[in-house]
Amino acid sequence: MSTSKLTVGEAFKNRGSLHTLSDDVDIPDSRIEEIVRDGILHSPSAFNSQSGRAVVLLREEHKKFWDIALEAAKGAVPEQVFEMVFGPRIKMFRASYGTILFYEDGTALKKIEEKMPIVKDKVPQWSEHASGMLQFAIWTMLTAEGLGVSLQHYNPMVDAPAAKEWNIPAEWSLKAQMVFGKPAGKRIMEKTYEPVEDRMKVYGA
């Protein structure tokens, strides 16, 4: 296992959206796979449903995904919006090293609903919670390795062509796309913080 460039605590604080990335990555693919595997295995899920799924696309497979996204966007948004927003952003993401597609498996979630019908209406919300925690865990670990990361949501326009290209089971629902690579520019928006005192309450201390 490689030594992280940041501790997990440091990565937690330094994590943020970095959009300008390059594919000049010196971290072994095996380490990236290890990070995603650890996230899948150890991130929490409701009733241990283990509903999180991930598809890791590296190098040319990553670029292929954003080529698919480019074509999908051309047919899904007005031409002016595509030329001003979607086209340039997708080309920027394509220049990165990899993309992780995050899914939730409906088959795993259905087992909870069948076992405990009384919580059936809560399962979709818990699924979103679990997916968010999985995404955050992997984002933090990639940051600890010195990689830049951003989280994108080009679903549902990419759902069908991505499923066809990478043989994604019909029961898997796409939630987000995590782009990563070597940081190659400043953040588009610097992180700012609202006063913690307005956002946190403590009683009994």
N, C-alpha and C. Protein backbone atom coordinates (compact mmCIF):
# COMPACT_ATOMS: atom_id res chain seq x y z
N MET A 1 0.85 -1.19 0.00
CA MET A 1 0.00 0.00 0.00
C MET A 1 0.88 1.24 0.00
N SER A 2 0.55 2.22 -0.81
CA SER A 2 1.36 3.43 -0.90
C SER A 2 1.09 4.32 0.29
N THR A 3 2.03 5.22 0.57
CA THR A 3 1.89 6.16 1.67
C THR A 3 1.14 7.39 1.19
N SER A 4 0.08 7.76 1.90
CA SER A 4 -0.72 8.90 1.51
C SER A 4 0.08 10.18 1.66
N LYS A 5 -0.18 11.13 0.79
CA LYS A 5 0.48 12.42 0.86
C LYS A 5 -0.12 13.29 1.95
N LEU A 6 -1.37 13.03 2.31
CA LEU A 6 -2.04 13.71 3.39
C LEU A 6 -2.63 12.67 4.33
N THR A 7 -2.77 13.02 5.61
CA THR A 7 -3.52 12.14 6.49
C THR A 7 -5.00 12.23 6.11
N VAL A 8 -5.79 11.30 6.58
CA VAL A 8 -7.22 11.34 6.30
C VAL A 8 -7.83 12.62 6.87
N GLY A 9 -7.38 13.01 8.07
CA GLY A 9 -7.88 14.25 8.67
C GLY A 9 -7.54 15.47 7.83
N GLU A 10 -6.31 15.52 7.32
CA GLU A 10 -5.91 16.63 6.45
C GLU A 10 -6.70 16.63 5.16
N ALA A 11 -6.90 15.44 4.60
CA ALA A 11 -7.66 15.33 3.36
C ALA A 11 -9.10 15.76 3.56
N PHE A 12 -9.66 15.45 4.72
CA PHE A 12 -11.03 15.86 5.04
C PHE A 12 -11.16 17.37 4.95
N LYS A 13 -10.17 18.08 5.46
CA LYS A 13 -10.21 19.55 5.47
C LYS A 13 -9.83 20.14 4.11
N ASN A 14 -8.96 19.45 3.37
CA ASN A 14 -8.49 19.99 2.10
C ASN A 14 -9.36 19.59 0.91
N ARG A 15 -10.26 18.63 1.12
CA ARG A 15 -11.13 18.16 0.05
C ARG A 15 -11.97 19.31 -0.50
N GLY A 16 -12.08 19.35 -1.81
CA GLY A 16 -12.89 20.37 -2.46
C GLY A 16 -12.93 20.11 -3.94
N SER A 17 -13.82 20.79 -4.64
CA SER A 17 -13.97 20.57 -6.08
C SER A 17 -12.82 21.20 -6.85
N LEU A 18 -12.09 20.37 -7.58
CA LEU A 18 -11.05 20.84 -8.49
C LEU A 18 -11.44 20.38 -9.89
N HIS A 19 -11.67 21.31 -10.79
CA HIS A 19 -12.17 20.97 -12.12
C HIS A 19 -11.07 20.91 -13.17
N THR A 20 -10.03 21.73 -13.03
CA THR A 20 -8.95 21.76 -14.01
C THR A 20 -7.91 20.71 -13.63
N LEU A 21 -7.96 19.58 -14.32
CA LEU A 21 -7.12 18.43 -13.99
C LEU A 21 -6.45 17.90 -15.24
N SER A 22 -5.33 17.20 -15.05
CA SER A 22 -4.65 16.58 -16.19
C SER A 22 -4.60 15.07 -15.98
N ASP A 23 -4.18 14.36 -17.01
CA ASP A 23 -4.06 12.91 -16.91
C ASP A 23 -2.65 12.47 -16.56
N ASP A 24 -1.82 13.40 -16.12
CA ASP A 24 -0.43 13.11 -15.74
C ASP A 24 -0.41 12.62 -14.28
N VAL A 25 -0.85 11.41 -14.09
CA VAL A 25 -1.00 10.84 -12.75
C VAL A 25 0.06 9.77 -12.53
N ASP A 26 0.78 9.86 -11.39
CA ASP A 26 1.83 8.89 -11.11
C ASP A 26 1.42 7.87 -10.04
N ILE A 27 0.18 7.93 -9.59
CA ILE A 27 -0.31 6.95 -8.63
C ILE A 27 -0.69 5.67 -9.39
N PRO A 28 -0.25 4.52 -8.94
CA PRO A 28 -0.57 3.27 -9.65
C PRO A 28 -2.08 3.04 -9.75
N ASP A 29 -2.51 2.48 -10.84
CA ASP A 29 -3.92 2.13 -10.98
C ASP A 29 -4.36 1.19 -9.87
N SER A 30 -3.45 0.34 -9.43
CA SER A 30 -3.78 -0.60 -8.36
C SER A 30 -4.16 0.12 -7.07
N ARG A 31 -3.55 1.29 -6.82
CA ARG A 31 -3.89 2.06 -5.62
C ARG A 31 -5.28 2.68 -5.76
N ILE A 32 -5.59 3.16 -6.94
CA ILE A 32 -6.92 3.71 -7.18
C ILE A 32 -7.97 2.63 -6.98
N GLU A 33 -7.72 1.45 -7.53
CA GLU A 33 -8.65 0.33 -7.35
C GLU A 33 -8.80 -0.02 -5.88
N GLU A 34 -7.69 0.03 -5.14
CA GLU A 34 -7.72 -0.29 -3.71
C GLU A 34 -8.59 0.70 -2.95
N ILE A 35 -8.47 1.98 -3.29
CA ILE A 35 -9.28 3.02 -2.64
C ILE A 35 -10.76 2.78 -2.88
N VAL A 36 -11.13 2.51 -4.12
CA VAL A 36 -12.54 2.29 -4.43
C VAL A 36 -13.03 1.00 -3.77
N ARG A 37 -12.21 -0.02 -3.76
CA ARG A 37 -12.58 -1.27 -3.11
C ARG A 37 -12.83 -1.06 -1.62
N ASP A 38 -11.93 -0.31 -0.96
CA ASP A 38 -12.10 -0.04 0.46
C ASP A 38 -13.38 0.75 0.72
N GLY A 39 -13.66 1.72 -0.15
CA GLY A 39 -14.89 2.49 0.00
C GLY A 39 -16.12 1.61 -0.11
N ILE A 40 -16.13 0.75 -1.13
CA ILE A 40 -17.26 -0.15 -1.34
C ILE A 40 -17.45 -1.08 -0.14
N LEU A 41 -16.34 -1.61 0.38
CA LEU A 41 -16.42 -2.57 1.47
C LEU A 41 -16.81 -1.96 2.81
N HIS A 42 -16.34 -0.74 3.07
CA HIS A 42 -16.42 -0.23 4.44
C HIS A 42 -17.33 0.98 4.63
N SER A 43 -17.89 1.55 3.57
CA SER A 43 -18.83 2.66 3.75
C SER A 43 -20.16 2.12 4.30
N PRO A 44 -20.80 2.87 5.19
CA PRO A 44 -22.05 2.37 5.79
C PRO A 44 -23.22 2.41 4.83
N SER A 45 -24.18 1.54 5.10
CA SER A 45 -25.43 1.51 4.33
C SER A 45 -26.55 1.04 5.25
N ALA A 46 -27.77 1.43 4.94
CA ALA A 46 -28.92 1.09 5.79
C ALA A 46 -29.07 -0.42 5.91
N PHE A 47 -29.14 -0.91 7.17
CA PHE A 47 -29.31 -2.33 7.44
C PHE A 47 -28.25 -3.17 6.73
N ASN A 48 -27.08 -2.57 6.55
CA ASN A 48 -25.97 -3.24 5.87
C ASN A 48 -26.39 -3.81 4.52
N SER A 49 -27.20 -3.04 3.81
CA SER A 49 -27.69 -3.50 2.51
C SER A 49 -26.59 -3.60 1.47
N GLN A 50 -25.50 -2.84 1.68
CA GLN A 50 -24.35 -2.85 0.76
C GLN A 50 -24.81 -2.61 -0.68
N SER A 51 -25.61 -1.57 -0.83
CA SER A 51 -26.23 -1.28 -2.14
C SER A 51 -25.35 -0.46 -3.07
N GLY A 52 -24.25 0.09 -2.55
CA GLY A 52 -23.38 0.92 -3.38
C GLY A 52 -22.63 0.11 -4.42
N ARG A 53 -22.53 0.67 -5.61
CA ARG A 53 -21.79 0.05 -6.71
C ARG A 53 -20.92 1.12 -7.37
N ALA A 54 -19.82 0.72 -7.95
CA ALA A 54 -18.93 1.67 -8.63
C ALA A 54 -18.33 1.05 -9.87
N VAL A 55 -18.21 1.85 -10.90
CA VAL A 55 -17.53 1.45 -12.13
C VAL A 55 -16.36 2.41 -12.32
N VAL A 56 -15.15 1.89 -12.31
CA VAL A 56 -13.95 2.72 -12.41
C VAL A 56 -13.47 2.75 -13.86
N LEU A 57 -13.41 3.94 -14.42
CA LEU A 57 -12.98 4.13 -15.80
C LEU A 57 -11.66 4.89 -15.81
N LEU A 58 -10.62 4.31 -16.38
CA LEU A 58 -9.30 4.92 -16.40
C LEU A 58 -8.81 5.12 -17.83
N ARG A 59 -7.99 6.12 -17.99
CA ARG A 59 -7.31 6.39 -19.26
C ARG A 59 -8.30 6.51 -20.42
N GLU A 60 -8.20 5.64 -21.41
CA GLU A 60 -9.05 5.75 -22.60
C GLU A 60 -10.51 5.45 -22.31
N GLU A 61 -10.77 4.59 -21.34
CA GLU A 61 -12.16 4.30 -20.98
C GLU A 61 -12.81 5.53 -20.36
N HIS A 62 -12.05 6.25 -19.57
CA HIS A 62 -12.52 7.53 -19.01
C HIS A 62 -12.85 8.52 -20.13
N LYS A 63 -11.95 8.64 -21.08
CA LYS A 63 -12.18 9.58 -22.18
C LYS A 63 -13.39 9.16 -23.01
N LYS A 64 -13.56 7.86 -23.16
CA LYS A 64 -14.71 7.35 -23.89
C LYS A 64 -16.02 7.77 -23.22
N PHE A 65 -16.03 7.73 -21.88
CA PHE A 65 -17.25 8.14 -21.17
C PHE A 65 -17.60 9.59 -21.49
N TRP A 66 -16.60 10.47 -21.47
CA TRP A 66 -16.89 11.89 -21.70
C TRP A 66 -17.18 12.17 -23.18
N ASP A 67 -16.70 11.33 -24.07
CA ASP A 67 -17.14 11.42 -25.47
C ASP A 67 -18.63 11.07 -25.57
N ILE A 68 -19.03 10.05 -24.81
CA ILE A 68 -20.45 9.68 -24.77
C ILE A 68 -21.28 10.83 -24.18
N ALA A 69 -20.77 11.44 -23.11
CA ALA A 69 -21.48 12.54 -22.48
C ALA A 69 -21.61 13.73 -23.43
N LEU A 70 -20.57 13.97 -24.22
CA LEU A 70 -20.60 15.08 -25.17
C LEU A 70 -21.70 14.87 -26.20
N GLU A 71 -21.79 13.68 -26.74
CA GLU A 71 -22.82 13.38 -27.73
C GLU A 71 -24.21 13.43 -27.11
N ALA A 72 -24.33 12.92 -25.87
CA ALA A 72 -25.62 12.94 -25.20
C ALA A 72 -26.08 14.37 -24.93
N ALA A 73 -25.15 15.24 -24.53
CA ALA A 73 -25.50 16.62 -24.23
C ALA A 73 -25.92 17.38 -25.49
N LYS A 74 -25.28 17.07 -26.61
CA LYS A 74 -25.64 17.73 -27.87
C LYS A 74 -27.12 17.54 -28.19
N GLY A 75 -27.64 16.37 -27.86
CA GLY A 75 -29.03 16.09 -28.18
C GLY A 75 -30.00 16.40 -27.06
N ALA A 76 -29.48 16.85 -25.91
CA ALA A 76 -30.35 17.03 -24.74
C ALA A 76 -30.54 18.47 -24.32
N VAL A 77 -29.64 19.37 -24.73
CA VAL A 77 -29.73 20.77 -24.29
C VAL A 77 -29.73 21.69 -25.51
N PRO A 78 -30.26 22.90 -25.36
CA PRO A 78 -30.24 23.85 -26.48
C PRO A 78 -28.82 24.11 -26.98
N GLU A 79 -28.68 24.37 -28.27
CA GLU A 79 -27.36 24.53 -28.88
C GLU A 79 -26.52 25.59 -28.20
N GLN A 80 -27.13 26.73 -27.86
CA GLN A 80 -26.38 27.81 -27.23
C GLN A 80 -25.86 27.41 -25.86
N VAL A 81 -26.69 26.68 -25.11
CA VAL A 81 -26.27 26.20 -23.79
C VAL A 81 -25.15 25.19 -23.93
N PHE A 82 -25.26 24.33 -24.94
CA PHE A 82 -24.20 23.35 -25.18
C PHE A 82 -22.87 24.04 -25.49
N GLU A 83 -22.90 25.02 -26.40
CA GLU A 83 -21.68 25.69 -26.82
C GLU A 83 -21.04 26.50 -25.69
N MET A 84 -21.86 27.09 -24.83
CA MET A 84 -21.34 27.96 -23.78
C MET A 84 -21.00 27.23 -22.48
N VAL A 85 -21.73 26.14 -22.19
CA VAL A 85 -21.58 25.49 -20.89
C VAL A 85 -21.15 24.03 -21.02
N PHE A 86 -22.01 23.20 -21.59
CA PHE A 86 -21.78 21.76 -21.57
C PHE A 86 -20.54 21.36 -22.36
N GLY A 87 -20.38 21.86 -23.57
CA GLY A 87 -19.24 21.49 -24.39
C GLY A 87 -17.90 21.75 -23.73
N PRO A 88 -17.65 23.01 -23.30
CA PRO A 88 -16.36 23.31 -22.66
C PRO A 88 -16.12 22.53 -21.38
N ARG A 89 -17.16 22.34 -20.56
CA ARG A 89 -16.98 21.63 -19.30
C ARG A 89 -16.68 20.15 -19.55
N ILE A 90 -17.39 19.54 -20.47
CA ILE A 90 -17.15 18.13 -20.75
C ILE A 90 -15.74 17.92 -21.30
N LYS A 91 -15.27 18.80 -22.16
CA LYS A 91 -13.91 18.70 -22.68
C LYS A 91 -12.88 18.86 -21.55
N MET A 92 -13.20 19.71 -20.57
CA MET A 92 -12.32 19.89 -19.41
C MET A 92 -12.25 18.60 -18.60
N PHE A 93 -13.40 17.95 -18.36
CA PHE A 93 -13.41 16.70 -17.61
C PHE A 93 -12.68 15.60 -18.37
N ARG A 94 -12.81 15.60 -19.68
CA ARG A 94 -12.17 14.57 -20.50
C ARG A 94 -10.65 14.59 -20.37
N ALA A 95 -10.09 15.77 -20.10
CA ALA A 95 -8.64 15.92 -19.99
C ALA A 95 -8.08 15.28 -18.72
N SER A 96 -8.94 14.83 -17.82
CA SER A 96 -8.50 14.22 -16.57
C SER A 96 -8.07 12.77 -16.78
N TYR A 97 -7.81 12.08 -15.69
CA TYR A 97 -7.27 10.72 -15.77
C TYR A 97 -8.33 9.63 -15.66
N GLY A 98 -9.33 9.88 -14.80
CA GLY A 98 -10.31 8.82 -14.57
C GLY A 98 -11.65 9.35 -14.10
N THR A 99 -12.64 8.47 -14.17
CA THR A 99 -13.98 8.78 -13.69
C THR A 99 -14.53 7.55 -12.98
N ILE A 100 -15.16 7.78 -11.85
CA ILE A 100 -15.84 6.70 -11.13
C ILE A 100 -17.34 6.95 -11.25
N LEU A 101 -18.05 5.97 -11.79
CA LEU A 101 -19.50 6.04 -11.88
C LEU A 101 -20.09 5.39 -10.63
N PHE A 102 -20.90 6.14 -9.89
CA PHE A 102 -21.51 5.63 -8.67
C PHE A 102 -22.96 5.22 -8.95
N TYR A 103 -23.28 4.00 -8.52
CA TYR A 103 -24.62 3.45 -8.71
C TYR A 103 -25.18 2.98 -7.37
N GLU A 104 -26.50 2.84 -7.31
CA GLU A 104 -27.17 2.12 -6.24
C GLU A 104 -27.91 0.93 -6.86
N ASP A 105 -27.77 -0.22 -6.24
CA ASP A 105 -28.35 -1.45 -6.76
C ASP A 105 -29.77 -1.64 -6.21
N GLY A 106 -30.75 -1.54 -7.09
CA GLY A 106 -32.14 -1.67 -6.68
C GLY A 106 -32.47 -3.04 -6.12
N THR A 107 -31.74 -4.07 -6.54
CA THR A 107 -31.99 -5.42 -6.02
C THR A 107 -31.67 -5.49 -4.53
N ALA A 108 -30.56 -4.89 -4.13
CA ALA A 108 -30.19 -4.87 -2.71
C ALA A 108 -31.19 -4.07 -1.89
N LEU A 109 -31.67 -2.98 -2.44
CA LEU A 109 -32.63 -2.14 -1.72
C LEU A 109 -33.99 -2.82 -1.59
N LYS A 110 -34.36 -3.56 -2.62
CA LYS A 110 -35.65 -4.27 -2.59
C LYS A 110 -35.69 -5.30 -1.47
N LYS A 111 -34.56 -5.88 -1.16
CA LYS A 111 -34.49 -6.87 -0.08
C LYS A 111 -34.88 -6.23 1.25
N ILE A 112 -34.46 -4.98 1.48
CA ILE A 112 -34.85 -4.29 2.70
C ILE A 112 -36.36 -4.07 2.72
N GLU A 113 -36.89 -3.60 1.59
CA GLU A 113 -38.32 -3.32 1.50
C GLU A 113 -39.15 -4.58 1.74
N GLU A 114 -38.69 -5.70 1.23
CA GLU A 114 -39.43 -6.95 1.41
C GLU A 114 -39.31 -7.49 2.83
N LYS A 115 -38.15 -7.29 3.42
CA LYS A 115 -37.93 -7.79 4.78
C LYS A 115 -38.63 -6.93 5.82
N MET A 116 -38.68 -5.60 5.56
CA MET A 116 -39.28 -4.66 6.51
C MET A 116 -40.19 -3.68 5.78
N PRO A 117 -41.37 -4.09 5.40
CA PRO A 117 -42.28 -3.22 4.65
C PRO A 117 -42.59 -1.91 5.35
N ILE A 118 -42.50 -1.90 6.68
CA ILE A 118 -42.84 -0.70 7.44
C ILE A 118 -41.92 0.47 7.13
N VAL A 119 -40.70 0.20 6.62
CA VAL A 119 -39.75 1.27 6.31
C VAL A 119 -39.59 1.47 4.80
N LYS A 120 -40.46 0.85 4.02
CA LYS A 120 -40.32 0.90 2.56
C LYS A 120 -40.21 2.32 2.03
N ASP A 121 -41.01 3.24 2.59
CA ASP A 121 -41.00 4.62 2.08
C ASP A 121 -39.71 5.36 2.41
N LYS A 122 -38.93 4.83 3.37
CA LYS A 122 -37.68 5.48 3.76
C LYS A 122 -36.47 4.97 2.98
N VAL A 123 -36.60 3.82 2.36
CA VAL A 123 -35.46 3.18 1.71
C VAL A 123 -34.82 4.05 0.63
N PRO A 124 -35.60 4.70 -0.25
CA PRO A 124 -34.94 5.56 -1.25
C PRO A 124 -34.09 6.67 -0.64
N GLN A 125 -34.57 7.26 0.45
CA GLN A 125 -33.80 8.31 1.13
C GLN A 125 -32.53 7.73 1.73
N TRP A 126 -32.62 6.58 2.37
CA TRP A 126 -31.45 5.95 2.96
C TRP A 126 -30.45 5.55 1.89
N SER A 127 -30.95 5.17 0.73
CA SER A 127 -30.07 4.83 -0.39
C SER A 127 -29.23 6.04 -0.80
N GLU A 128 -29.87 7.21 -0.87
CA GLU A 128 -29.15 8.44 -1.22
C GLU A 128 -28.10 8.76 -0.16
N HIS A 129 -28.46 8.57 1.11
CA HIS A 129 -27.49 8.80 2.19
C HIS A 129 -26.27 7.91 2.01
N ALA A 130 -26.52 6.62 1.77
CA ALA A 130 -25.42 5.66 1.63
C ALA A 130 -24.52 6.01 0.45
N SER A 131 -25.13 6.39 -0.66
CA SER A 131 -24.34 6.74 -1.84
C SER A 131 -23.49 7.97 -1.57
N GLY A 132 -24.07 8.94 -0.89
CA GLY A 132 -23.32 10.15 -0.56
C GLY A 132 -22.12 9.85 0.34
N MET A 133 -22.32 8.97 1.31
CA MET A 133 -21.21 8.61 2.20
C MET A 133 -20.11 7.87 1.44
N LEU A 134 -20.51 6.99 0.52
CA LEU A 134 -19.52 6.27 -0.29
C LEU A 134 -18.73 7.25 -1.16
N GLN A 135 -19.43 8.17 -1.78
CA GLN A 135 -18.76 9.17 -2.61
C GLN A 135 -17.78 10.01 -1.79
N PHE A 136 -18.23 10.44 -0.61
CA PHE A 136 -17.38 11.27 0.24
C PHE A 136 -16.15 10.50 0.72
N ALA A 137 -16.33 9.24 1.07
CA ALA A 137 -15.20 8.43 1.54
C ALA A 137 -14.14 8.30 0.45
N ILE A 138 -14.57 7.99 -0.76
CA ILE A 138 -13.61 7.82 -1.86
C ILE A 138 -12.99 9.16 -2.24
N TRP A 139 -13.78 10.22 -2.26
CA TRP A 139 -13.26 11.56 -2.55
C TRP A 139 -12.15 11.92 -1.56
N THR A 140 -12.38 11.66 -0.27
CA THR A 140 -11.39 11.99 0.75
C THR A 140 -10.12 11.18 0.56
N MET A 141 -10.26 9.89 0.26
CA MET A 141 -9.06 9.05 0.09
C MET A 141 -8.28 9.43 -1.17
N LEU A 142 -8.97 9.81 -2.24
CA LEU A 142 -8.27 10.28 -3.44
C LEU A 142 -7.54 11.58 -3.15
N THR A 143 -8.17 12.46 -2.37
CA THR A 143 -7.52 13.72 -1.99
C THR A 143 -6.27 13.45 -1.17
N ALA A 144 -6.33 12.46 -0.30
CA ALA A 144 -5.17 12.11 0.52
C ALA A 144 -3.98 11.66 -0.33
N GLU A 145 -4.25 11.16 -1.52
CA GLU A 145 -3.19 10.73 -2.43
C GLU A 145 -2.66 11.88 -3.28
N GLY A 146 -3.22 13.08 -3.09
CA GLY A 146 -2.75 14.23 -3.86
C GLY A 146 -3.49 14.45 -5.16
N LEU A 147 -4.58 13.72 -5.37
CA LEU A 147 -5.35 13.88 -6.60
C LEU A 147 -6.40 14.99 -6.44
N GLY A 148 -6.74 15.62 -7.56
CA GLY A 148 -7.83 16.57 -7.60
C GLY A 148 -9.10 15.85 -8.01
N VAL A 149 -10.23 16.29 -7.48
CA VAL A 149 -11.49 15.58 -7.69
C VAL A 149 -12.63 16.58 -7.86
N SER A 150 -13.61 16.22 -8.69
CA SER A 150 -14.89 16.94 -8.70
C SER A 150 -15.99 15.93 -8.92
N LEU A 151 -17.18 16.26 -8.46
CA LEU A 151 -18.33 15.36 -8.58
C LEU A 151 -19.32 15.96 -9.56
N GLN A 152 -19.72 15.16 -10.55
CA GLN A 152 -20.60 15.64 -11.61
C GLN A 152 -21.88 14.81 -11.66
N HIS A 153 -22.90 15.39 -12.29
CA HIS A 153 -24.20 14.72 -12.39
C HIS A 153 -24.75 14.92 -13.80
N TYR A 154 -24.28 14.09 -14.72
CA TYR A 154 -24.75 14.16 -16.10
C TYR A 154 -25.83 13.11 -16.38
N ASN A 155 -26.27 12.43 -15.33
CA ASN A 155 -27.42 11.55 -15.46
C ASN A 155 -28.69 12.42 -15.44
N PRO A 156 -29.77 12.06 -16.14
CA PRO A 156 -29.94 10.76 -16.80
C PRO A 156 -29.49 10.70 -18.26
N MET A 157 -28.94 11.79 -18.81
CA MET A 157 -28.64 11.78 -20.25
C MET A 157 -27.60 10.74 -20.64
N VAL A 158 -26.73 10.35 -19.69
CA VAL A 158 -25.69 9.37 -20.01
C VAL A 158 -26.02 7.96 -19.56
N ASP A 159 -27.14 7.79 -18.87
CA ASP A 159 -27.45 6.49 -18.26
C ASP A 159 -27.48 5.35 -19.28
N ALA A 160 -28.30 5.51 -20.30
CA ALA A 160 -28.50 4.41 -21.26
C ALA A 160 -27.23 4.11 -22.07
N PRO A 161 -26.57 5.12 -22.66
CA PRO A 161 -25.36 4.79 -23.43
C PRO A 161 -24.23 4.24 -22.57
N ALA A 162 -24.11 4.70 -21.32
CA ALA A 162 -23.07 4.15 -20.43
C ALA A 162 -23.40 2.71 -20.07
N ALA A 163 -24.67 2.45 -19.79
CA ALA A 163 -25.08 1.08 -19.45
C ALA A 163 -24.80 0.12 -20.60
N LYS A 164 -25.02 0.58 -21.80
CA LYS A 164 -24.77 -0.25 -22.98
C LYS A 164 -23.28 -0.49 -23.18
N GLU A 165 -22.49 0.56 -23.03
CA GLU A 165 -21.05 0.46 -23.28
C GLU A 165 -20.34 -0.43 -22.26
N TRP A 166 -20.73 -0.34 -20.99
CA TRP A 166 -20.02 -1.08 -19.94
C TRP A 166 -20.86 -2.18 -19.30
N ASN A 167 -21.91 -2.59 -19.99
CA ASN A 167 -22.70 -3.74 -19.55
C ASN A 167 -23.19 -3.59 -18.11
N ILE A 168 -23.81 -2.47 -17.82
CA ILE A 168 -24.31 -2.17 -16.48
C ILE A 168 -25.65 -2.88 -16.26
N PRO A 169 -25.81 -3.60 -15.17
CA PRO A 169 -27.10 -4.26 -14.90
C PRO A 169 -28.26 -3.27 -14.86
N ALA A 170 -29.40 -3.69 -15.33
CA ALA A 170 -30.57 -2.81 -15.39
C ALA A 170 -31.01 -2.35 -14.01
N GLU A 171 -30.69 -3.12 -12.98
CA GLU A 171 -31.11 -2.78 -11.61
C GLU A 171 -30.25 -1.68 -10.99
N TRP A 172 -29.14 -1.34 -11.62
CA TRP A 172 -28.27 -0.31 -11.07
C TRP A 172 -28.74 1.07 -11.52
N SER A 173 -28.83 1.99 -10.58
CA SER A 173 -29.27 3.35 -10.86
C SER A 173 -28.09 4.32 -10.69
N LEU A 174 -27.77 5.04 -11.75
CA LEU A 174 -26.62 5.96 -11.73
C LEU A 174 -26.92 7.18 -10.88
N LYS A 175 -25.99 7.51 -9.98
CA LYS A 175 -26.18 8.63 -9.06
C LYS A 175 -25.23 9.80 -9.32
N ALA A 176 -23.98 9.51 -9.67
CA ALA A 176 -23.00 10.59 -9.84
C ALA A 176 -21.78 10.08 -10.58
N GLN A 177 -20.98 11.03 -11.07
CA GLN A 177 -19.74 10.72 -11.77
C GLN A 177 -18.61 11.51 -11.10
N MET A 178 -17.62 10.81 -10.59
CA MET A 178 -16.51 11.45 -9.89
C MET A 178 -15.29 11.50 -10.81
N VAL A 179 -14.88 12.69 -11.18
CA VAL A 179 -13.74 12.90 -12.08
C VAL A 179 -12.49 13.16 -11.23
N PHE A 180 -11.38 12.56 -11.60
CA PHE A 180 -10.15 12.78 -10.84
C PHE A 180 -8.93 12.81 -11.75
N GLY A 181 -7.90 13.48 -11.28
CA GLY A 181 -6.66 13.59 -12.03
C GLY A 181 -5.66 14.43 -11.26
N LYS A 182 -4.61 14.83 -11.92
CA LYS A 182 -3.59 15.67 -11.29
C LYS A 182 -4.06 17.13 -11.31
N PRO A 183 -4.04 17.80 -10.16
CA PRO A 183 -4.45 19.22 -10.16
C PRO A 183 -3.62 20.03 -11.14
N ALA A 184 -4.32 20.82 -11.98
CA ALA A 184 -3.63 21.59 -13.01
C ALA A 184 -4.10 23.04 -13.05
N GLY A 185 -4.75 23.48 -11.99
CA GLY A 185 -5.24 24.85 -11.94
C GLY A 185 -5.93 25.12 -10.62
N LYS A 186 -6.29 26.37 -10.42
CA LYS A 186 -6.95 26.76 -9.18
C LYS A 186 -8.40 26.32 -9.19
N ARG A 187 -8.99 26.32 -8.01
CA ARG A 187 -10.41 26.05 -7.91
C ARG A 187 -11.21 27.15 -8.61
N ILE A 188 -12.28 26.73 -9.28
CA ILE A 188 -13.16 27.70 -9.93
C ILE A 188 -13.78 28.61 -8.89
N MET A 189 -14.15 28.03 -7.76
CA MET A 189 -14.70 28.80 -6.65
C MET A 189 -13.95 28.44 -5.38
N GLU A 190 -13.37 29.42 -4.71
CA GLU A 190 -12.69 29.16 -3.46
C GLU A 190 -13.70 28.81 -2.37
N LYS A 191 -13.30 27.93 -1.48
CA LYS A 191 -14.18 27.53 -0.39
C LYS A 191 -14.34 28.67 0.61
N THR A 192 -15.56 28.97 0.96
CA THR A 192 -15.85 29.94 2.00
C THR A 192 -16.69 29.24 3.07
N TYR A 193 -16.72 29.80 4.25
CA TYR A 193 -17.37 29.13 5.36
C TYR A 193 -18.32 30.07 6.10
N GLU A 194 -19.56 29.64 6.24
CA GLU A 194 -20.49 30.35 7.11
C GLU A 194 -20.11 30.08 8.56
N PRO A 195 -20.40 31.00 9.48
CA PRO A 195 -20.02 30.81 10.88
C PRO A 195 -20.55 29.48 11.44
N VAL A 196 -19.66 28.70 12.03
CA VAL A 196 -20.05 27.41 12.60
C VAL A 196 -21.06 27.62 13.72
N GLU A 197 -20.94 28.74 14.43
CA GLU A 197 -21.84 29.00 15.56
C GLU A 197 -23.30 29.06 15.13
N ASP A 198 -23.54 29.43 13.86
CA ASP A 198 -24.90 29.48 13.35
C ASP A 198 -25.38 28.13 12.82
N ARG A 199 -24.51 27.15 12.77
CA ARG A 199 -24.82 25.88 12.13
C ARG A 199 -24.70 24.68 13.06
N MET A 200 -24.34 24.94 14.31
CA MET A 200 -24.08 23.84 15.24
C MET A 200 -24.56 24.22 16.62
N LYS A 201 -25.23 23.29 17.28
CA LYS A 201 -25.69 23.50 18.65
C LYS A 201 -25.18 22.37 19.53
N VAL A 202 -24.77 22.69 20.73
CA VAL A 202 -24.26 21.71 21.68
C VAL A 202 -24.99 21.90 23.00
N TYR A 203 -25.50 20.81 23.57
CA TYR A 203 -26.19 20.87 24.85
C TYR A 203 -25.59 19.81 25.80
N GLY A 204 -25.42 20.18 27.02
CA GLY A 204 -24.96 19.23 28.02
C GLY A 204 -23.47 19.18 28.24
N ALA A 205 -22.71 19.96 27.44
CA ALA A 205 -21.25 19.94 27.60
C ALA A 205 -20.85 20.83 28.78
